[in-house]
């Protein structure tokens, strides 16, 4: 099972802008599905944001969350 001829992408093969766009579109679809639901909790973790709703579902947001620069306040 599986593709024996699979190749691995190298960092130079990955387009960061395309990844950001794909993550944005996926996030927008998830947010659209949350309309009318009540958020019970939201947790910001190192690599993701977890949003739990009162109906028992948890949605995870990954990707280019960014980081705050040490010089952001200056």
Protein backbone atom coordinates (compact mmCIF):
# COMPACT_ATOMS: atom_id res chain seq x y z
CA UNK A 1 0.00 0.00 0.00
CA UNK A 2 1.30 3.45 -0.71
CA UNK A 3 3.23 4.96 -3.53
CA UNK A 4 6.76 3.54 -3.77
CA UNK A 5 7.68 6.25 -6.27
CA UNK A 6 6.72 9.16 -3.98
CA UNK A 7 9.14 12.04 -3.78
CA UNK A 8 9.81 14.42 -0.95
CA UNK A 9 9.59 18.16 -1.48
CA UNK A 10 12.60 20.19 -0.57
CA UNK A 11 12.27 23.63 1.05
CA UNK A 12 13.07 25.26 -2.29
CA UNK A 13 10.10 23.43 -3.87
CA UNK A 14 7.58 24.95 -1.44
CA UNK A 15 5.99 28.29 -2.23
CA UNK A 16 5.34 30.08 1.09
CA UNK A 17 2.72 32.36 -0.47
CA UNK A 18 0.79 29.37 -1.82
CA UNK A 19 0.89 27.75 1.64
CA UNK A 20 -0.41 30.94 3.26
CA UNK A 21 -3.21 31.18 0.70
CA UNK A 22 -4.21 27.55 1.19
CA UNK A 23 -4.19 27.94 4.98
CA UNK A 24 -6.25 31.13 4.70
CA UNK A 25 -8.87 29.43 2.52
CA UNK A 26 -9.13 26.44 4.85
CA UNK A 27 -9.42 28.72 7.87
CA UNK A 28 -12.14 30.76 6.16
CA UNK A 29 -14.13 27.58 5.45
CA UNK A 30 -13.89 26.51 9.10
CA UNK A 31 -14.88 29.95 10.36
CA UNK A 32 -17.85 29.99 7.98
CA UNK A 33 -18.99 26.67 9.49
CA UNK A 34 -18.91 28.21 12.98
CA UNK A 35 -21.54 30.85 12.21
CA UNK A 36 -24.37 30.43 14.72
CA UNK A 37 -22.37 28.23 17.09
CA UNK A 38 -21.23 29.22 20.57
CA UNK A 39 -17.52 29.07 21.38
CA UNK A 40 -16.91 27.42 24.75
CA UNK A 41 -13.13 27.80 24.80
CA UNK A 42 -10.20 28.95 22.69
CA UNK A 43 -6.64 27.97 23.48
CA UNK A 44 -3.56 29.44 21.84
CA UNK A 45 -0.83 26.81 21.78
CA UNK A 46 2.71 26.87 20.38
CA UNK A 47 1.78 25.55 16.94
CA UNK A 48 -1.99 25.88 16.74
CA UNK A 49 -5.16 27.49 18.04
CA UNK A 50 -7.87 25.15 19.34
CA UNK A 51 -11.46 26.41 19.36
CA UNK A 52 -14.09 24.30 21.15
CA UNK A 53 -17.80 24.85 20.70
CA UNK A 54 -20.63 24.10 23.11
CA UNK A 55 -21.83 21.27 20.86
CA UNK A 56 -18.63 19.36 21.67
CA UNK A 57 -16.60 19.96 18.52
CA UNK A 58 -13.03 21.25 18.52
CA UNK A 59 -11.51 23.00 15.52
CA UNK A 60 -7.76 23.40 15.10
CA UNK A 61 -6.09 26.21 13.23
CA UNK A 62 -2.49 25.64 12.13
CA UNK A 63 -0.11 27.43 9.88
CA UNK A 64 1.53 30.76 9.61
CA UNK A 65 0.46 32.23 12.92
CA UNK A 66 3.57 34.39 13.05
CA UNK A 67 5.48 35.57 16.05
CA UNK A 68 5.73 38.84 17.86
CA UNK A 69 8.97 40.65 17.24
CA UNK A 70 10.99 41.71 20.28
CA UNK A 71 11.05 45.20 18.76
CA UNK A 72 7.28 45.39 18.18
CA UNK A 73 6.78 47.98 20.91
CA UNK A 74 9.59 50.29 19.88
